[in-house]
N, C-alpha and C. Protein backbone atom coordinates (compact mmCIF):
# COMPACT_ATOMS: atom_id res chain seq x y z
N VAL A 1 0.85 -1.19 0.00
CA VAL A 1 0.00 0.00 0.00
C VAL A 1 0.88 1.23 0.00
N GLN A 2 0.51 2.20 -0.82
CA GLN A 2 1.24 3.48 -0.87
C GLN A 2 0.33 4.60 -0.39
N LEU A 3 0.93 5.58 0.28
CA LEU A 3 0.19 6.74 0.75
C LEU A 3 0.69 7.97 0.00
N GLN A 4 -0.26 8.79 -0.45
CA GLN A 4 0.06 10.02 -1.17
C GLN A 4 -0.53 11.19 -0.41
N ALA A 5 0.36 12.04 0.10
CA ALA A 5 -0.09 13.20 0.87
C ALA A 5 -0.09 14.45 0.00
N SER A 6 -0.97 15.38 0.36
CA SER A 6 -1.04 16.65 -0.36
C SER A 6 -1.64 17.71 0.55
N GLY A 7 -1.47 18.97 0.16
CA GLY A 7 -2.16 20.05 0.86
C GLY A 7 -1.29 20.98 1.67
N GLY A 8 0.01 20.73 1.77
CA GLY A 8 0.86 21.62 2.53
C GLY A 8 1.07 22.94 1.80
N GLY A 9 1.76 23.85 2.45
CA GLY A 9 2.04 25.14 1.83
C GLY A 9 2.41 26.19 2.85
N LEU A 10 2.38 27.43 2.36
CA LEU A 10 2.70 28.59 3.19
C LEU A 10 1.40 29.30 3.55
N VAL A 11 1.23 29.61 4.81
CA VAL A 11 0.02 30.29 5.27
C VAL A 11 0.39 31.28 6.36
N GLN A 12 -0.37 32.33 6.46
CA GLN A 12 -0.13 33.33 7.51
C GLN A 12 -0.67 32.84 8.85
N PRO A 13 -0.12 33.34 9.93
CA PRO A 13 -0.67 32.98 11.25
C PRO A 13 -2.17 33.28 11.31
N GLY A 14 -2.89 32.34 11.90
CA GLY A 14 -4.34 32.46 11.97
C GLY A 14 -5.06 31.84 10.78
N GLY A 15 -4.32 31.46 9.78
CA GLY A 15 -4.92 30.87 8.59
C GLY A 15 -5.20 29.40 8.74
N SER A 16 -5.66 28.80 7.64
CA SER A 16 -6.06 27.38 7.64
C SER A 16 -5.43 26.66 6.46
N LEU A 17 -5.23 25.38 6.67
CA LEU A 17 -4.81 24.46 5.60
C LEU A 17 -5.49 23.13 5.83
N ARG A 18 -5.66 22.39 4.75
CA ARG A 18 -6.23 21.06 4.85
C ARG A 18 -5.29 20.08 4.17
N LEU A 19 -4.81 19.12 4.94
CA LEU A 19 -3.95 18.07 4.40
C LEU A 19 -4.79 16.85 4.07
N SER A 20 -4.41 16.16 3.01
CA SER A 20 -5.06 14.91 2.61
C SER A 20 -4.01 13.84 2.44
N CYS A 21 -4.41 12.62 2.66
CA CYS A 21 -3.51 11.49 2.47
C CYS A 21 -4.33 10.30 2.02
N ALA A 22 -4.08 9.86 0.79
CA ALA A 22 -4.85 8.78 0.20
C ALA A 22 -4.02 7.51 0.09
N ALA A 23 -4.60 6.39 0.50
CA ALA A 23 -3.95 5.09 0.41
C ALA A 23 -4.40 4.39 -0.85
N SER A 24 -3.45 3.72 -1.49
CA SER A 24 -3.78 2.93 -2.68
C SER A 24 -3.02 1.62 -2.64
N GLY A 25 -3.63 0.59 -3.22
CA GLY A 25 -3.02 -0.73 -3.20
C GLY A 25 -3.90 -1.72 -2.48
N SER A 26 -3.46 -2.96 -2.48
CA SER A 26 -4.26 -4.05 -1.91
C SER A 26 -3.97 -4.26 -0.43
N SER A 27 -5.01 -4.52 0.33
CA SER A 27 -4.85 -4.84 1.74
C SER A 27 -6.14 -5.51 2.23
N LEU A 28 -6.08 -5.99 3.45
CA LEU A 28 -7.28 -6.56 4.08
C LEU A 28 -8.06 -5.49 4.83
N GLY A 29 -7.48 -4.31 4.89
CA GLY A 29 -8.14 -3.21 5.57
C GLY A 29 -7.13 -2.26 6.18
N ILE A 30 -7.63 -1.18 6.73
CA ILE A 30 -6.77 -0.18 7.35
C ILE A 30 -7.28 0.11 8.75
N ASN A 31 -6.42 -0.02 9.72
CA ASN A 31 -6.78 0.35 11.09
C ASN A 31 -6.57 1.84 11.29
N ASP A 32 -5.69 2.21 12.20
CA ASP A 32 -5.46 3.62 12.46
C ASP A 32 -4.86 4.34 11.26
N MET A 33 -5.22 5.60 11.12
CA MET A 33 -4.56 6.52 10.20
C MET A 33 -4.26 7.78 11.00
N GLY A 34 -3.22 8.50 10.57
CA GLY A 34 -2.91 9.70 11.34
C GLY A 34 -1.79 10.50 10.74
N TRP A 35 -1.39 11.50 11.50
CA TRP A 35 -0.37 12.44 11.06
C TRP A 35 0.67 12.66 12.17
N TYR A 36 1.93 12.64 11.77
CA TYR A 36 3.04 13.07 12.61
C TYR A 36 3.58 14.37 12.01
N ARG A 37 4.34 15.09 12.80
CA ARG A 37 5.07 16.24 12.28
C ARG A 37 6.46 16.30 12.90
N LEU A 38 7.37 16.88 12.13
CA LEU A 38 8.75 17.03 12.56
C LEU A 38 9.20 18.43 12.22
N ALA A 39 9.55 19.16 13.28
CA ALA A 39 10.05 20.51 13.11
C ALA A 39 11.54 20.53 13.41
N PRO A 40 12.28 21.46 12.81
CA PRO A 40 13.73 21.53 13.06
C PRO A 40 14.02 21.68 14.55
N GLY A 41 14.93 20.84 15.03
CA GLY A 41 15.34 20.94 16.42
C GLY A 41 14.38 20.34 17.42
N LYS A 42 13.30 19.73 16.92
CA LYS A 42 12.31 19.15 17.81
C LYS A 42 12.14 17.66 17.54
N GLN A 43 11.55 16.98 18.49
CA GLN A 43 11.26 15.56 18.30
C GLN A 43 10.00 15.39 17.46
N ARG A 44 9.92 14.25 16.78
CA ARG A 44 8.72 13.95 16.02
C ARG A 44 7.53 13.87 16.96
N GLU A 45 6.43 14.43 16.53
CA GLU A 45 5.24 14.52 17.38
C GLU A 45 4.05 13.91 16.66
N LEU A 46 3.31 13.07 17.37
CA LEU A 46 2.05 12.57 16.84
C LEU A 46 1.02 13.69 16.95
N VAL A 47 0.54 14.18 15.84
CA VAL A 47 -0.38 15.30 15.83
C VAL A 47 -1.80 14.84 16.09
N ALA A 48 -2.22 13.81 15.35
CA ALA A 48 -3.59 13.31 15.48
C ALA A 48 -3.67 11.93 14.88
N ARG A 49 -4.58 11.13 15.40
CA ARG A 49 -4.83 9.81 14.86
C ARG A 49 -6.32 9.53 14.89
N ILE A 50 -6.76 8.64 14.00
CA ILE A 50 -8.17 8.28 13.96
C ILE A 50 -8.27 6.79 13.69
N GLY A 51 -9.06 6.11 14.48
CA GLY A 51 -9.27 4.69 14.30
C GLY A 51 -10.26 4.41 13.19
N SER A 52 -10.36 3.15 12.84
CA SER A 52 -11.26 2.77 11.75
C SER A 52 -12.71 3.07 12.09
N GLY A 53 -13.04 3.11 13.38
CA GLY A 53 -14.39 3.42 13.80
C GLY A 53 -14.63 4.88 14.07
N GLY A 54 -13.59 5.70 13.90
CA GLY A 54 -13.74 7.13 14.06
C GLY A 54 -13.21 7.71 15.36
N PHE A 55 -12.71 6.86 16.26
CA PHE A 55 -12.15 7.39 17.51
C PHE A 55 -10.91 8.22 17.21
N THR A 56 -10.80 9.37 17.86
CA THR A 56 -9.69 10.28 17.56
C THR A 56 -8.87 10.62 18.80
N ASN A 57 -7.60 10.93 18.57
CA ASN A 57 -6.70 11.45 19.59
C ASN A 57 -5.94 12.62 18.99
N TYR A 58 -5.65 13.62 19.81
CA TYR A 58 -4.91 14.79 19.37
C TYR A 58 -3.80 15.13 20.34
N ALA A 59 -2.73 15.69 19.82
CA ALA A 59 -1.71 16.28 20.67
C ALA A 59 -2.33 17.48 21.38
N ASP A 60 -1.91 17.71 22.62
CA ASP A 60 -2.46 18.83 23.37
C ASP A 60 -2.25 20.16 22.63
N SER A 61 -1.15 20.25 21.91
CA SER A 61 -0.79 21.50 21.24
C SER A 61 -1.74 21.86 20.10
N VAL A 62 -2.54 20.91 19.63
CA VAL A 62 -3.41 21.20 18.49
C VAL A 62 -4.90 21.03 18.82
N LYS A 63 -5.20 20.59 20.02
CA LYS A 63 -6.61 20.39 20.40
C LYS A 63 -7.40 21.69 20.24
N GLY A 64 -8.57 21.56 19.65
CA GLY A 64 -9.42 22.72 19.43
C GLY A 64 -9.11 23.49 18.17
N ARG A 65 -7.99 23.18 17.53
CA ARG A 65 -7.61 23.88 16.30
C ARG A 65 -7.57 22.94 15.09
N PHE A 66 -7.15 21.71 15.31
CA PHE A 66 -7.03 20.73 14.23
C PHE A 66 -8.14 19.70 14.34
N THR A 67 -8.59 19.21 13.20
CA THR A 67 -9.60 18.16 13.17
C THR A 67 -9.17 17.09 12.18
N ILE A 68 -9.11 15.85 12.65
CA ILE A 68 -8.77 14.74 11.78
C ILE A 68 -10.05 14.01 11.40
N SER A 69 -10.12 13.57 10.17
CA SER A 69 -11.28 12.80 9.71
C SER A 69 -10.80 11.81 8.65
N ARG A 70 -11.67 10.86 8.31
CA ARG A 70 -11.29 9.90 7.29
C ARG A 70 -12.51 9.49 6.48
N ASP A 71 -12.24 9.13 5.27
CA ASP A 71 -13.25 8.59 4.36
C ASP A 71 -12.84 7.16 4.08
N ASN A 72 -13.50 6.23 4.74
CA ASN A 72 -13.10 4.82 4.60
C ASN A 72 -13.35 4.30 3.18
N GLY A 73 -14.33 4.83 2.51
CA GLY A 73 -14.61 4.40 1.15
C GLY A 73 -13.50 4.80 0.18
N ARG A 74 -12.83 5.90 0.50
CA ARG A 74 -11.73 6.38 -0.33
C ARG A 74 -10.36 6.09 0.28
N ASP A 75 -10.34 5.44 1.45
CA ASP A 75 -9.07 5.15 2.15
C ASP A 75 -8.24 6.42 2.28
N THR A 76 -8.88 7.47 2.69
CA THR A 76 -8.22 8.78 2.77
C THR A 76 -8.41 9.38 4.16
N VAL A 77 -7.35 9.99 4.66
CA VAL A 77 -7.41 10.69 5.93
C VAL A 77 -7.13 12.17 5.67
N TYR A 78 -7.83 13.02 6.43
CA TYR A 78 -7.70 14.46 6.27
C TYR A 78 -7.28 15.09 7.60
N LEU A 79 -6.58 16.21 7.50
CA LEU A 79 -6.25 16.99 8.68
C LEU A 79 -6.60 18.44 8.37
N GLN A 80 -7.68 18.91 8.98
CA GLN A 80 -8.06 20.31 8.84
C GLN A 80 -7.36 21.10 9.94
N MET A 81 -6.56 22.05 9.52
CA MET A 81 -5.77 22.84 10.48
C MET A 81 -6.23 24.28 10.44
N ASN A 82 -6.80 24.73 11.54
CA ASN A 82 -7.27 26.10 11.66
C ASN A 82 -6.45 26.86 12.70
N SER A 83 -6.57 28.16 12.68
CA SER A 83 -5.87 29.02 13.65
C SER A 83 -4.39 28.65 13.75
N LEU A 84 -3.78 28.51 12.60
CA LEU A 84 -2.39 28.06 12.56
C LEU A 84 -1.45 29.06 13.21
N LYS A 85 -0.43 28.52 13.85
CA LYS A 85 0.56 29.32 14.56
C LYS A 85 1.94 29.04 13.96
N PRO A 86 2.87 29.96 14.13
CA PRO A 86 4.23 29.71 13.61
C PRO A 86 4.82 28.41 14.15
N GLU A 87 4.48 28.05 15.37
CA GLU A 87 5.01 26.81 15.93
C GLU A 87 4.43 25.55 15.32
N ASP A 88 3.45 25.70 14.44
CA ASP A 88 2.92 24.55 13.70
C ASP A 88 3.78 24.25 12.47
N THR A 89 4.72 25.12 12.18
CA THR A 89 5.60 24.90 11.03
C THR A 89 6.38 23.61 11.20
N ALA A 90 6.26 22.72 10.21
CA ALA A 90 6.90 21.41 10.30
C ALA A 90 6.65 20.66 9.00
N VAL A 91 7.33 19.54 8.87
CA VAL A 91 7.00 18.59 7.81
C VAL A 91 5.99 17.60 8.39
N TYR A 92 4.85 17.50 7.75
CA TYR A 92 3.78 16.63 8.22
C TYR A 92 3.77 15.35 7.39
N SER A 93 3.75 14.22 8.07
CA SER A 93 3.76 12.93 7.40
C SER A 93 2.55 12.12 7.85
N CYS A 94 1.90 11.48 6.90
CA CYS A 94 0.75 10.63 7.24
C CYS A 94 1.20 9.18 7.35
N TYR A 95 0.42 8.42 8.10
CA TYR A 95 0.69 6.99 8.22
C TYR A 95 -0.64 6.25 8.24
N ALA A 96 -0.53 4.96 7.98
CA ALA A 96 -1.70 4.10 8.07
C ALA A 96 -1.25 2.71 8.51
N LYS A 97 -2.00 2.11 9.40
CA LYS A 97 -1.71 0.75 9.84
C LYS A 97 -2.50 -0.21 8.95
N ILE A 98 -1.76 -0.93 8.13
CA ILE A 98 -2.33 -1.76 7.07
C ILE A 98 -2.45 -3.20 7.54
N LEU A 99 -3.63 -3.76 7.34
CA LEU A 99 -3.85 -5.17 7.66
C LEU A 99 -3.51 -6.04 6.46
N TRP A 100 -2.78 -7.12 6.74
CA TRP A 100 -2.52 -8.09 5.68
C TRP A 100 -2.57 -9.48 6.31
N ALA A 101 -2.34 -10.50 5.52
CA ALA A 101 -2.48 -11.86 6.03
C ALA A 101 -1.51 -12.15 7.16
N GLY A 102 -0.37 -11.46 7.18
CA GLY A 102 0.62 -11.70 8.21
C GLY A 102 0.47 -10.84 9.44
N GLY A 103 -0.53 -9.98 9.44
CA GLY A 103 -0.72 -9.13 10.60
C GLY A 103 -0.96 -7.69 10.22
N GLU A 104 -0.11 -6.79 10.69
CA GLU A 104 -0.29 -5.35 10.46
C GLU A 104 1.07 -4.71 10.24
N TYR A 105 1.13 -3.75 9.33
CA TYR A 105 2.36 -3.00 9.17
C TYR A 105 2.03 -1.54 8.95
N ASP A 106 3.03 -0.68 9.15
CA ASP A 106 2.86 0.76 8.99
C ASP A 106 3.28 1.19 7.59
N ALA A 107 2.39 1.90 6.91
CA ALA A 107 2.72 2.54 5.64
C ALA A 107 2.85 4.04 5.88
N TRP A 108 3.77 4.68 5.17
CA TRP A 108 4.02 6.10 5.36
C TRP A 108 3.91 6.85 4.04
N GLY A 109 3.37 8.04 4.12
CA GLY A 109 3.36 8.92 2.97
C GLY A 109 4.59 9.80 2.98
N GLN A 110 4.83 10.47 1.86
CA GLN A 110 5.93 11.42 1.82
C GLN A 110 5.55 12.63 2.66
N GLY A 111 6.48 13.30 3.21
CA GLY A 111 6.19 14.46 4.04
C GLY A 111 5.72 15.63 3.19
N THR A 112 4.90 16.46 3.80
CA THR A 112 4.47 17.69 3.14
C THR A 112 4.76 18.86 4.08
N GLN A 113 5.38 19.88 3.52
CA GLN A 113 5.83 21.01 4.33
C GLN A 113 4.67 21.96 4.62
N VAL A 114 4.54 22.31 5.88
CA VAL A 114 3.59 23.35 6.30
C VAL A 114 4.41 24.46 6.94
N THR A 115 4.29 25.65 6.40
CA THR A 115 5.01 26.81 6.92
C THR A 115 4.01 27.89 7.30
N VAL A 116 4.07 28.30 8.56
CA VAL A 116 3.18 29.35 9.05
C VAL A 116 4.03 30.58 9.35
N SER A 117 3.86 31.59 8.53
CA SER A 117 4.71 32.77 8.65
C SER A 117 4.04 33.97 8.01
N SER A 118 4.31 35.14 8.58
CA SER A 118 3.79 36.36 7.99
C SER A 118 4.83 36.96 7.04
């Protein structure tokens, strides 16, 4: 399974962006999907995750501003980012836990740069 991410870019503080990540390829299903981010000089951070049934978790730093959702029919996960702050600047990477006959493995999309700056 391959993941294709899109939607990053440059936005002013207070602005919004929507990231998308679509999975393609054969599998027995997809469990969790989510987004990590990596900023210069910082550790990788789990931003948000969503289970196959819709249960969500968010990093404290983005609660109330970011919303994760998924379209199971399209095997796509979205991250709506509102009220963006300069500290949200990072490379955002999507992941998906893929089910196969041997169990489960993690698939990763390419990173997409999000820059929040005036």
